[in-house]
Protein backbone atom coordinates (compact mmCIF):
# COMPACT_ATOMS: atom_id res chain seq x y z
CA UNK A 1 -21.35 2.64 18.53
CA UNK A 2 -22.64 4.00 21.99
CA UNK A 3 -26.29 2.98 21.88
CA UNK A 4 -25.12 -0.53 20.74
CA UNK A 5 -22.94 -0.76 23.54
CA UNK A 6 -25.96 0.34 25.81
CA UNK A 7 -27.93 -2.09 24.02
CA UNK A 8 -25.31 -4.91 24.74
CA UNK A 9 -25.32 -4.06 28.39
CA UNK A 10 -29.18 -4.93 28.70
CA UNK A 11 -28.30 -8.36 26.73
CA UNK A 12 -29.22 -7.80 23.13
CA UNK A 13 -27.20 -9.99 20.42
CA UNK A 14 -25.78 -8.29 17.41
CA UNK A 15 -24.45 -9.07 13.92
CA UNK A 16 -21.21 -8.30 12.20
CA UNK A 17 -22.58 -5.03 10.99
CA UNK A 18 -22.72 -3.78 14.96
CA UNK A 19 -19.53 -5.52 15.83
CA UNK A 20 -17.51 -3.56 13.09
CA UNK A 21 -19.57 -0.20 13.56
CA UNK A 22 -18.35 -0.22 17.26
CA UNK A 23 -14.71 -1.82 16.68
CA UNK A 24 -14.15 0.98 14.15
CA UNK A 25 -15.78 3.50 16.35
CA UNK A 26 -13.33 2.60 19.05
CA UNK A 27 -10.46 2.64 16.85
CA UNK A 28 -11.09 5.90 15.85
CA UNK A 29 -11.84 7.41 19.15
CA UNK A 30 -8.04 6.08 20.11
CA UNK A 31 -6.73 7.66 16.80
CA UNK A 32 -6.22 4.58 14.88
CA UNK A 33 -7.92 5.56 11.61
CA UNK A 34 -10.51 2.66 10.82
CA UNK A 35 -13.56 2.08 8.40
CA UNK A 36 -16.36 -0.60 8.22
CA UNK A 37 -15.53 -2.82 5.34
CA UNK A 38 -18.54 -4.93 3.32
CA UNK A 39 -17.21 -8.16 2.37
CA UNK A 40 -19.83 -9.65 -0.62
CA UNK A 41 -20.04 -12.99 -2.40
CA UNK A 42 -19.93 -13.33 -6.17
CA UNK A 43 -23.10 -14.00 -6.33
CA UNK A 44 -24.67 -11.13 -4.30
CA UNK A 45 -27.24 -10.42 -6.57
CA UNK A 46 -29.05 -13.69 -6.76
CA UNK A 47 -28.67 -14.76 -3.03
CA UNK A 48 -31.77 -13.97 -1.15
CA UNK A 49 -29.60 -14.13 2.03
CA UNK A 50 -25.87 -14.60 3.62
CA UNK A 51 -24.23 -12.72 0.62
CA UNK A 52 -22.31 -10.35 2.79
CA UNK A 53 -20.17 -10.24 5.86
CA UNK A 54 -18.93 -6.86 7.73
CA UNK A 55 -15.72 -6.74 9.21
CA UNK A 56 -13.40 -3.38 10.39
CA UNK A 57 -10.32 -2.31 8.20
CA UNK A 58 -7.50 -0.20 10.42
CA UNK A 59 -4.95 1.73 9.01
CA UNK A 60 -1.75 1.40 10.74
CA UNK A 61 0.82 3.98 10.22
CA UNK A 62 3.73 1.95 11.21
CA UNK A 63 3.31 -0.48 8.51
CA UNK A 64 1.85 2.25 5.78
CA UNK A 65 -1.39 -0.12 5.33
CA UNK A 66 -4.96 -1.21 5.93
CA UNK A 67 -5.39 -4.52 7.99
CA UNK A 68 -8.66 -6.55 8.32
CA UNK A 69 -10.30 -7.16 11.76
CA UNK A 70 -13.11 -8.91 12.40
CA UNK A 71 -14.74 -8.13 15.41
CA UNK A 72 -17.31 -10.55 15.79
CA UNK A 73 -14.91 -13.59 14.95
CA UNK A 74 -12.02 -12.07 17.03
CA UNK A 75 -9.49 -12.68 14.19
CA UNK A 76 -6.89 -10.60 12.34
CA UNK A 77 -5.49 -12.80 9.61
CA UNK A 78 -1.97 -12.75 8.83
CA UNK A 79 0.77 -14.20 6.80
CA UNK A 80 4.06 -15.24 8.27
CA UNK A 81 2.97 -13.15 11.25
CA UNK A 82 2.01 -9.88 8.96
CA UNK A 83 -1.58 -8.55 9.33
CA UNK A 84 -3.40 -8.66 6.11
CA UNK A 85 -5.98 -6.65 4.55
CA UNK A 86 -9.12 -8.32 2.81
CA UNK A 87 -7.41 -8.33 -0.44
CA UNK A 88 -4.26 -9.75 0.62
CA UNK A 89 -6.32 -12.58 2.76
CA UNK A 90 -8.14 -13.12 -0.67
CA UNK A 91 -4.84 -13.92 -2.58
CA UNK A 92 -3.54 -15.93 0.46
CA UNK A 93 -5.99 -18.05 0.46
CA UNK A 94 -6.41 -18.79 -3.18
CA UNK A 95 -2.82 -19.33 -3.42
CA UNK A 96 -3.01 -21.56 -0.21
CA UNK A 97 -0.12 -19.55 1.05
CA UNK A 98 2.46 -21.32 3.75
CA UNK A 99 2.32 -19.13 7.13
CA UNK A 100 -1.46 -18.02 6.84
CA UNK A 101 -2.87 -17.69 10.51
CA UNK A 102 -4.68 -15.57 12.59
CA UNK A 103 -4.08 -13.47 15.64
CA UNK A 104 -6.78 -13.81 18.15
CA UNK A 105 -7.48 -13.38 21.65
CA UNK A 106 -9.84 -15.83 22.41
CA UNK A 107 -8.25 -18.39 20.50
CA UNK A 108 -10.29 -18.41 17.41
CA UNK A 109 -9.56 -21.32 14.72
CA UNK A 110 -7.85 -20.13 11.86
CA UNK A 111 -9.00 -23.05 9.51
CA UNK A 112 -12.51 -22.72 10.54
CA UNK A 113 -12.43 -18.85 10.10
CA UNK A 114 -10.72 -19.14 6.54
CA UNK A 115 -13.21 -21.57 5.24
CA UNK A 116 -15.97 -19.83 6.70
CA UNK A 117 -14.85 -16.35 5.32
CA UNK A 118 -13.53 -17.18 2.15
CA UNK A 119 -16.94 -17.20 0.17
CA UNK A 120 -17.16 -13.29 1.14
CA UNK A 121 -13.96 -12.22 -0.37
CA UNK A 122 -15.39 -11.58 -3.93
CA UNK A 123 -16.49 -7.89 -3.69
CA UNK A 124 -15.52 -5.15 -1.30
CA UNK A 125 -16.89 -1.86 -0.03
CA UNK A 126 -16.79 1.07 2.11
CA UNK A 127 -18.26 4.28 2.63
CA UNK A 128 -16.33 7.57 1.27
CA UNK A 129 -17.33 9.00 4.76
CA UNK A 130 -17.32 6.90 7.41
CA UNK A 131 -17.99 9.30 10.29
CA UNK A 132 -20.92 8.35 12.68
CA UNK A 133 -21.55 11.92 13.34
CA UNK A 134 -21.49 14.52 10.72
CA UNK A 135 -21.18 12.27 7.42
CA UNK A 136 -21.04 14.74 4.47
CA UNK A 137 -22.61 11.94 2.15
CA UNK A 138 -23.59 8.38 2.09
CA UNK A 139 -21.69 7.10 -1.22
CA UNK A 140 -19.65 4.11 -1.13
CA UNK A 141 -16.53 2.81 -2.84
CA UNK A 142 -16.70 -0.90 -4.18
CA UNK A 143 -13.85 -2.84 -5.20
CA UNK A 144 -14.70 -5.24 -7.93
CA UNK A 145 -12.45 -8.02 -9.43
CA UNK A 146 -11.09 -7.21 -13.06
CA UNK A 147 -13.69 -8.73 -15.68
CA UNK A 148 -16.12 -9.16 -12.73
CA UNK A 149 -20.08 -7.69 -13.21
CA UNK A 150 -20.55 -4.33 -10.85
CA UNK A 151 -23.53 -5.59 -9.09
CA UNK A 152 -26.57 -3.19 -8.96
CA UNK A 153 -28.37 -5.01 -6.27
CA UNK A 154 -27.58 -6.84 -2.74
CA UNK A 155 -29.48 -10.18 -2.21
CA UNK A 156 -32.23 -9.61 -4.68
CA UNK A 157 -33.84 -6.43 -3.35
CA UNK A 158 -31.42 -3.83 -1.93
CA UNK A 159 -30.19 -1.45 -4.08
CA UNK A 160 -26.58 -0.45 -4.75
CA UNK A 161 -27.18 2.70 -6.65
CA UNK A 162 -24.70 4.76 -4.21
CA UNK A 163 -21.81 2.53 -5.16
CA UNK A 164 -18.92 3.67 -7.42
CA UNK A 165 -16.82 1.18 -8.73
CA UNK A 166 -13.16 0.97 -8.87
CA UNK A 167 -10.69 -2.17 -9.93
CA UNK A 168 -7.91 -0.33 -8.22
CA UNK A 169 -6.43 -1.42 -5.25
CA UNK A 170 -4.12 1.68 -5.07
CA UNK A 171 -7.15 3.66 -4.74
CA UNK A 172 -9.10 1.40 -2.70
CA UNK A 173 -6.49 1.15 -0.32
CA UNK A 174 -5.11 5.16 -0.23
CA UNK A 175 -4.00 5.92 3.21
CA UNK A 176 -6.53 7.85 5.07
CA UNK A 177 -6.78 11.69 4.26
C-alpha cells in the first residue's frame, strides 16, 4: 500500500486492484480485519478482459460479519441501512430487495453502481493469507455457486491452479483468525 500511495502522489492512476490493496492495508493498520476480495463473472474463463473486479471486505466485530467496501467506487452496499457483504449484495440484487442502497462520501449513484457491479457477483475469491509482508502461502479460496463449474482459468490465459473451491458460506465468511 505504501508504494501505491507514493505513486499516487506522483499522479499515477490505478485500477480496482490497487484501490483494494490500499484500503485493506489501511483498515488492517487501524485494527479492522480486512481482506481483498476478487469478484468474477460467470463467464470468467471465456472472456478476454473485464471478467473481474476487486473490492475489500472488512470484518466488523460489533456486527460479527464481513462487509463489502468498494474503494474505487466509494461504496458500501446497504440493505435497510445495514452494510452487506458481497454475497448478501448478490442476493439482494437478485431479489430486487426494497431498501437497497449505498453509503458513499462522494455521493455515488446506487442504481448506476448496482447495474455496473451485478455481473461481477458470481464467483468470489480471497487469499488464505492476505498479509502484505510475511505471507506464508499464496493459495486462495473461491466461493462457487452450488452446481456451477469451478473455473480453472481467468480471462482465457491466467491459471487458477492455486485455488481451493468451496460452496460453503460458513467457511468463506468465517470470522478472522
